[in-house]
Amino acid sequence: MSKELLDDFSVTLEMTVRDINILLNALNLPAQTPATTAIYFINNIQSQAGPQVEQAKRNLEAVEKAQKDET
């Protein structure tokens, strides 16, 4: 599977305005960000993006298999 294609795949994340503001502040002042805040966003992003990336992998593998079957 082409890692470059997967790297360019877009994921959709849903966050509240409050979460976005907290994240932007954390990125602006990383030294002052509590570890629990960072862990919260890491887990939030992984739980939303993970299934989307796995589906993209399956789709790419299906396309590659179909292309091989055509030849």
PDB file of N, CA and C in Angstrom:
ATOM      1  N   MET A   1       0.847  -1.179   0.000  1.00  0.00           N
ATOM      2  CA  MET A   1       0.000   0.000   0.000  1.00  0.00           C
ATOM      3  C   MET A   1       0.886   1.233   0.000  1.00  0.00           C
ATOM      4  N   SER A   2       0.473   2.235  -0.718  1.00  0.00           N
ATOM      5  CA  SER A   2       1.242   3.458  -0.830  1.00  0.00           C
ATOM      6  C   SER A   2       1.042   4.330   0.404  1.00  0.00           C
ATOM      7  N   LYS A   3       2.111   4.459   1.200  1.00  0.00           N
ATOM      8  CA  LYS A   3       2.049   5.281   2.405  1.00  0.00           C
ATOM      9  C   LYS A   3       1.793   6.739   2.047  1.00  0.00           C
ATOM     10  N   GLU A   4       2.305   7.184   0.908  1.00  0.00           N
ATOM     11  CA  GLU A   4       2.098   8.575   0.499  1.00  0.00           C
ATOM     12  C   GLU A   4       0.616   8.874   0.304  1.00  0.00           C
ATOM     13  N   LEU A   5      -0.116   7.944  -0.282  1.00  0.00           N
ATOM     14  CA  LEU A   5      -1.554   8.148  -0.458  1.00  0.00           C
ATOM     15  C   LEU A   5      -2.262   8.236   0.886  1.00  0.00           C
ATOM     16  N   LEU A   6      -1.870   7.384   1.808  1.00  0.00           N
ATOM     17  CA  LEU A   6      -2.490   7.391   3.129  1.00  0.00           C
ATOM     18  C   LEU A   6      -2.119   8.667   3.882  1.00  0.00           C
ATOM     19  N   ASP A   7      -0.886   9.137   3.717  1.00  0.00           N
ATOM     20  CA  ASP A   7      -0.471  10.375   4.387  1.00  0.00           C
ATOM     21  C   ASP A   7      -1.296  11.568   3.926  1.00  0.00           C
ATOM     22  N   ASP A   8      -1.784  11.530   2.709  1.00  0.00           N
ATOM     23  CA  ASP A   8      -2.565  12.644   2.168  1.00  0.00           C
ATOM     24  C   ASP A   8      -4.060  12.500   2.414  1.00  0.00           C
ATOM     25  N   PHE A   9      -4.472  11.420   3.044  1.00  0.00           N
ATOM     26  CA  PHE A   9      -5.877  11.200   3.359  1.00  0.00           C
ATOM     27  C   PHE A   9      -6.323  12.198   4.425  1.00  0.00           C
ATOM     28  N   SER A  10      -7.493  12.770   4.250  1.00  0.00           N
ATOM     29  CA  SER A  10      -8.031  13.732   5.218  1.00  0.00           C
ATOM     30  C   SER A  10      -8.927  13.021   6.216  1.00  0.00           C
ATOM     31  N   VAL A  11      -8.826  13.428   7.470  1.00  0.00           N
ATOM     32  CA  VAL A  11      -9.724  12.939   8.505  1.00  0.00           C
ATOM     33  C   VAL A  11     -10.594  14.101   8.973  1.00  0.00           C
ATOM     34  N   THR A  12     -11.734  13.773   9.513  1.00  0.00           N
ATOM     35  CA  THR A  12     -12.646  14.777  10.042  1.00  0.00           C
ATOM     36  C   THR A  12     -12.707  14.627  11.546  1.00  0.00           C
ATOM     37  N   LEU A  13     -12.449  15.723  12.249  1.00  0.00           N
ATOM     38  CA  LEU A  13     -12.507  15.724  13.707  1.00  0.00           C
ATOM     39  C   LEU A  13     -13.620  16.657  14.154  1.00  0.00           C
ATOM     40  N   GLU A  14     -14.351  16.237  15.157  1.00  0.00           N
ATOM     41  CA  GLU A  14     -15.386  17.081  15.732  1.00  0.00           C
ATOM     42  C   GLU A  14     -14.960  17.481  17.132  1.00  0.00           C
ATOM     43  N   MET A  15     -14.942  18.798  17.368  1.00  0.00           N
ATOM     44  CA  MET A  15     -14.596  19.329  18.687  1.00  0.00           C
ATOM     45  C   MET A  15     -15.510  20.497  19.004  1.00  0.00           C
ATOM     46  N   THR A  16     -15.730  20.690  20.276  1.00  0.00           N
ATOM     47  CA  THR A  16     -16.500  21.856  20.688  1.00  0.00           C
ATOM     48  C   THR A  16     -15.632  23.099  20.540  1.00  0.00           C
ATOM     49  N   VAL A  17     -16.272  24.242  20.510  1.00  0.00           N
ATOM     50  CA  VAL A  17     -15.524  25.503  20.448  1.00  0.00           C
ATOM     51  C   VAL A  17     -14.618  25.616  21.675  1.00  0.00           C
ATOM     52  N   ARG A  18     -15.110  25.186  22.825  1.00  0.00           N
ATOM     53  CA  ARG A  18     -14.300  25.218  24.051  1.00  0.00           C
ATOM     54  C   ARG A  18     -13.037  24.384  23.871  1.00  0.00           C
ATOM     55  N   ASP A  19     -13.195  23.165  23.326  1.00  0.00           N
ATOM     56  CA  ASP A  19     -12.030  22.301  23.108  1.00  0.00           C
ATOM     57  C   ASP A  19     -11.053  22.922  22.113  1.00  0.00           C
ATOM     58  N   ILE A  20     -11.570  23.525  21.065  1.00  0.00           N
ATOM     59  CA  ILE A  20     -10.689  24.161  20.082  1.00  0.00           C
ATOM     60  C   ILE A  20      -9.897  25.281  20.732  1.00  0.00           C
ATOM     61  N   ASN A  21     -10.560  26.093  21.546  1.00  0.00           N
ATOM     62  CA  ASN A  21      -9.846  27.183  22.225  1.00  0.00           C
ATOM     63  C   ASN A  21      -8.796  26.657  23.187  1.00  0.00           C
ATOM     64  N   ILE A  22      -9.122  25.604  23.908  1.00  0.00           N
ATOM     65  CA  ILE A  22      -8.143  24.999  24.822  1.00  0.00           C
ATOM     66  C   ILE A  22      -6.953  24.469  24.037  1.00  0.00           C
ATOM     67  N   LEU A  23      -7.229  23.789  22.930  1.00  0.00           N
ATOM     68  CA  LEU A  23      -6.153  23.239  22.107  1.00  0.00           C
ATOM     69  C   LEU A  23      -5.274  24.346  21.530  1.00  0.00           C
ATOM     70  N   LEU A  24      -5.881  25.396  21.017  1.00  0.00           N
ATOM     71  CA  LEU A  24      -5.098  26.504  20.463  1.00  0.00           C
ATOM     72  C   LEU A  24      -4.233  27.167  21.537  1.00  0.00           C
ATOM     73  N   ASN A  25      -4.785  27.334  22.719  1.00  0.00           N
ATOM     74  CA  ASN A  25      -3.989  27.894  23.814  1.00  0.00           C
ATOM     75  C   ASN A  25      -2.849  26.959  24.202  1.00  0.00           C
ATOM     76  N   ALA A  26      -3.118  25.667  24.199  1.00  0.00           N
ATOM     77  CA  ALA A  26      -2.087  24.690  24.536  1.00  0.00           C
ATOM     78  C   ALA A  26      -0.963  24.704  23.506  1.00  0.00           C
ATOM     79  N   LEU A  27      -1.320  24.858  22.246  1.00  0.00           N
ATOM     80  CA  LEU A  27      -0.305  24.901  21.192  1.00  0.00           C
ATOM     81  C   LEU A  27       0.488  26.203  21.249  1.00  0.00           C
ATOM     82  N   ASN A  28      -0.151  27.246  21.692  1.00  0.00           N
ATOM     83  CA  ASN A  28       0.508  28.544  21.800  1.00  0.00           C
ATOM     84  C   ASN A  28       1.467  28.593  22.991  1.00  0.00           C
ATOM     85  N   LEU A  29       1.113  27.913  24.067  1.00  0.00           N
ATOM     86  CA  LEU A  29       1.939  27.912  25.281  1.00  0.00           C
ATOM     87  C   LEU A  29       2.178  26.466  25.741  1.00  0.00           C
ATOM     88  N   PRO A  30       2.913  25.684  24.944  1.00  0.00           N
ATOM     89  CA  PRO A  30       3.052  24.254  25.261  1.00  0.00           C
ATOM     90  C   PRO A  30       3.695  23.977  26.618  1.00  0.00           C
ATOM     91  N   ALA A  31       4.586  24.845  27.071  1.00  0.00           N
ATOM     92  CA  ALA A  31       5.256  24.595  28.353  1.00  0.00           C
ATOM     93  C   ALA A  31       4.285  24.710  29.517  1.00  0.00           C
ATOM     94  N   GLN A  32       3.190  25.416  29.326  1.00  0.00           N
ATOM     95  CA  GLN A  32       2.217  25.615  30.403  1.00  0.00           C
ATOM     96  C   GLN A  32       1.016  24.670  30.304  1.00  0.00           C
ATOM     97  N   THR A  33       1.065  23.739  29.356  1.00  0.00           N
ATOM     98  CA  THR A  33      -0.040  22.817  29.147  1.00  0.00           C
ATOM     99  C   THR A  33       0.079  21.620  30.084  1.00  0.00           C
ATOM    100  N   PRO A  34      -0.942  21.396  30.922  1.00  0.00           N
ATOM    101  CA  PRO A  34      -0.902  20.206  31.792  1.00  0.00           C
ATOM    102  C   PRO A  34      -0.917  18.927  30.959  1.00  0.00           C
ATOM    103  N   ALA A  35      -0.260  17.914  31.465  1.00  0.00           N
ATOM    104  CA  ALA A  35      -0.203  16.630  30.760  1.00  0.00           C
ATOM    105  C   ALA A  35      -1.598  16.058  30.528  1.00  0.00           C
ATOM    106  N   THR A  36      -2.507  16.269  31.463  1.00  0.00           N
ATOM    107  CA  THR A  36      -3.858  15.733  31.298  1.00  0.00           C
ATOM    108  C   THR A  36      -4.566  16.360  30.102  1.00  0.00           C
ATOM    109  N   THR A  37      -4.274  17.624  29.826  1.00  0.00           N
ATOM    110  CA  THR A  37      -4.869  18.278  28.662  1.00  0.00           C
ATOM    111  C   THR A  37      -4.333  17.665  27.383  1.00  0.00           C
ATOM    112  N   ALA A  38      -3.015  17.470  27.337  1.00  0.00           N
ATOM    113  CA  ALA A  38      -2.406  16.862  26.156  1.00  0.00           C
ATOM    114  C   ALA A  38      -2.944  15.448  25.941  1.00  0.00           C
ATOM    115  N   ILE A  39      -3.039  14.672  26.996  1.00  0.00           N
ATOM    116  CA  ILE A  39      -3.539  13.304  26.898  1.00  0.00           C
ATOM    117  C   ILE A  39      -4.993  13.288  26.424  1.00  0.00           C
ATOM    118  N   TYR A  40      -5.783  14.225  26.919  1.00  0.00           N
ATOM    119  CA  TYR A  40      -7.184  14.320  26.495  1.00  0.00           C
ATOM    120  C   TYR A  40      -7.262  14.504  24.976  1.00  0.00           C
ATOM    121  N   PHE A  41      -6.477  15.441  24.437  1.00  0.00           N
ATOM    122  CA  PHE A  41      -6.542  15.703  23.001  1.00  0.00           C
ATOM    123  C   PHE A  41      -5.931  14.569  22.188  1.00  0.00           C
ATOM    124  N   ILE A  42      -4.885  13.959  22.674  1.00  0.00           N
ATOM    125  CA  ILE A  42      -4.306  12.805  21.976  1.00  0.00           C
ATOM    126  C   ILE A  42      -5.346  11.694  21.863  1.00  0.00           C
ATOM    127  N   ASN A  43      -5.995  11.377  22.969  1.00  0.00           N
ATOM    128  CA  ASN A  43      -7.011  10.317  22.962  1.00  0.00           C
ATOM    129  C   ASN A  43      -8.198  10.693  22.093  1.00  0.00           C
ATOM    130  N   ASN A  44      -8.620  11.951  22.160  1.00  0.00           N
ATOM    131  CA  ASN A  44      -9.749  12.423  21.366  1.00  0.00           C
ATOM    132  C   ASN A  44      -9.448  12.286  19.872  1.00  0.00           C
ATOM    133  N   ILE A  45      -8.284  12.743  19.475  1.00  0.00           N
ATOM    134  CA  ILE A  45      -7.907  12.666  18.059  1.00  0.00           C
ATOM    135  C   ILE A  45      -7.756  11.211  17.614  1.00  0.00           C
ATOM    136  N   GLN A  46      -7.088  10.403  18.425  1.00  0.00           N
ATOM    137  CA  GLN A  46      -6.901   8.993  18.053  1.00  0.00           C
ATOM    138  C   GLN A  46      -8.231   8.253  17.932  1.00  0.00           C
ATOM    139  N   SER A  47      -9.159   8.530  18.840  1.00  0.00           N
ATOM    140  CA  SER A  47     -10.438   7.805  18.800  1.00  0.00           C
ATOM    141  C   SER A  47     -11.272   8.205  17.594  1.00  0.00           C
ATOM    142  N   GLN A  48     -11.119   9.444  17.127  1.00  0.00           N
ATOM    143  CA  GLN A  48     -11.870   9.886  15.953  1.00  0.00           C
ATOM    144  C   GLN A  48     -11.150   9.530  14.650  1.00  0.00           C
ATOM    145  N   ALA A  49      -9.854   9.744  14.620  1.00  0.00           N
ATOM    146  CA  ALA A  49      -9.098   9.543  13.385  1.00  0.00           C
ATOM    147  C   ALA A  49      -8.793   8.068  13.123  1.00  0.00           C
ATOM    148  N   GLY A  50      -8.567   7.308  14.167  1.00  0.00           N
ATOM    149  CA  GLY A  50      -8.190   5.904  14.010  1.00  0.00           C
ATOM    150  C   GLY A  50      -9.103   5.111  13.097  1.00  0.00           C
ATOM    151  N   PRO A  51     -10.414   5.100  13.371  1.00  0.00           N
ATOM    152  CA  PRO A  51     -11.317   4.345  12.501  1.00  0.00           C
ATOM    153  C   PRO A  51     -11.335   4.868  11.058  1.00  0.00           C
ATOM    154  N   GLN A  52     -11.195   6.168  10.891  1.00  0.00           N
ATOM    155  CA  GLN A  52     -11.186   6.744   9.550  1.00  0.00           C
ATOM    156  C   GLN A  52      -9.938   6.305   8.775  1.00  0.00           C
ATOM    157  N   VAL A  53      -8.807   6.283   9.449  1.00  0.00           N
ATOM    158  CA  VAL A  53      -7.562   5.862   8.803  1.00  0.00           C
ATOM    159  C   VAL A  53      -7.618   4.378   8.474  1.00  0.00           C
ATOM    160  N   GLU A  54      -8.156   3.581   9.372  1.00  0.00           N
ATOM    161  CA  GLU A  54      -8.280   2.144   9.102  1.00  0.00           C
ATOM    162  C   GLU A  54      -9.174   1.892   7.898  1.00  0.00           C
ATOM    163  N   GLN A  55     -10.268   2.645   7.779  1.00  0.00           N
ATOM    164  CA  GLN A  55     -11.153   2.496   6.622  1.00  0.00           C
ATOM    165  C   GLN A  55     -10.424   2.917   5.349  1.00  0.00           C
ATOM    166  N   ALA A  56      -9.651   3.982   5.422  1.00  0.00           N
ATOM    167  CA  ALA A  56      -8.884   4.433   4.249  1.00  0.00           C
ATOM    168  C   ALA A  56      -7.886   3.358   3.830  1.00  0.00           C
ATOM    169  N   LYS A  57      -7.242   2.696   4.802  1.00  0.00           N
ATOM    170  CA  LYS A  57      -6.307   1.605   4.487  1.00  0.00           C
ATOM    171  C   LYS A  57      -7.029   0.485   3.750  1.00  0.00           C
ATOM    172  N   ARG A  58      -8.189   0.109   4.266  1.00  0.00           N
ATOM    173  CA  ARG A  58      -8.961  -0.967   3.622  1.00  0.00           C
ATOM    174  C   ARG A  58      -9.355  -0.571   2.205  1.00  0.00           C
ATOM    175  N   ASN A  59      -9.763   0.685   2.029  1.00  0.00           N
ATOM    176  CA  ASN A  59     -10.146   1.154   0.695  1.00  0.00           C
ATOM    177  C   ASN A  59      -8.965   1.124  -0.266  1.00  0.00           C
ATOM    178  N   LEU A  60      -7.803   1.599   0.196  1.00  0.00           N
ATOM    179  CA  LEU A  60      -6.605   1.587  -0.656  1.00  0.00           C
ATOM    180  C   LEU A  60      -6.197   0.163  -1.007  1.00  0.00           C
ATOM    181  N   GLU A  61      -6.275  -0.738  -0.033  1.00  0.00           N
ATOM    182  CA  GLU A  61      -5.930  -2.133  -0.293  1.00  0.00           C
ATOM    183  C   GLU A  61      -6.891  -2.746  -1.310  1.00  0.00           C
ATOM    184  N   ALA A  62      -8.169  -2.392  -1.218  1.00  0.00           N
ATOM    185  CA  ALA A  62      -9.151  -2.913  -2.170  1.00  0.00           C
ATOM    186  C   ALA A  62      -8.868  -2.398  -3.583  1.00  0.00           C
ATOM    187  N   VAL A  63      -8.499  -1.126  -3.692  1.00  0.00           N
ATOM    188  CA  VAL A  63      -8.173  -0.560  -4.993  1.00  0.00           C
ATOM    189  C   VAL A  63      -6.938  -1.230  -5.565  1.00  0.00           C
ATOM    190  N   GLU A  64      -5.911  -1.410  -4.738  1.00  0.00           N
ATOM    191  CA  GLU A  64      -4.692  -2.072  -5.208  1.00  0.00           C
ATOM    192  C   GLU A  64      -4.961  -3.492  -5.658  1.00  0.00           C
ATOM    193  N   LYS A  65      -5.813  -4.210  -4.909  1.00  0.00           N
ATOM    194  CA  LYS A  65      -6.150  -5.579  -5.273  1.00  0.00           C
ATOM    195  C   LYS A  65      -6.907  -5.591  -6.603  1.00  0.00           C
ATOM    196  N   ALA A  66      -7.846  -4.673  -6.760  1.00  0.00           N
ATOM    197  CA  ALA A  66      -8.616  -4.601  -8.009  1.00  0.00           C
ATOM    198  C   ALA A  66      -7.717  -4.292  -9.193  1.00  0.00           C
ATOM    199  N   GLN A  67      -6.735  -3.432  -8.991  1.00  0.00           N
ATOM    200  CA  GLN A  67      -5.799  -3.089 -10.069  1.00  0.00           C
ATOM    201  C   GLN A  67      -4.949  -4.301 -10.433  1.00  0.00           C
ATOM    202  N   LYS A  68      -4.530  -5.066  -9.455  1.00  0.00           N
ATOM    203  CA  LYS A  68      -3.728  -6.266  -9.724  1.00  0.00           C
ATOM    204  C   LYS A  68      -4.559  -7.315 -10.448  1.00  0.00           C
ATOM    205  N   ASP A  69      -5.825  -7.426 -10.059  1.00  0.00           N
ATOM    206  CA  ASP A  69      -6.719  -8.417 -10.684  1.00  0.00           C
ATOM    207  C   ASP A  69      -6.995  -8.073 -12.144  1.00  0.00           C
ATOM    208  N   GLU A  70      -6.913  -6.799 -12.497  1.00  0.00           N
ATOM    209  CA  GLU A  70      -7.159  -6.369 -13.878  1.00  0.00           C
ATOM    210  C   GLU A  70      -5.994  -6.752 -14.798  1.00  0.00           C
ATOM    211  N   THR A  71      -4.811  -6.914 -14.235  1.00  0.00           N
ATOM    212  CA  THR A  71      -3.645  -7.204 -15.077  1.00  0.00           C
ATOM    213  C   THR A  71      -3.411  -8.678 -15.236  1.00  0.00           C
TER     214      THR A  71
END
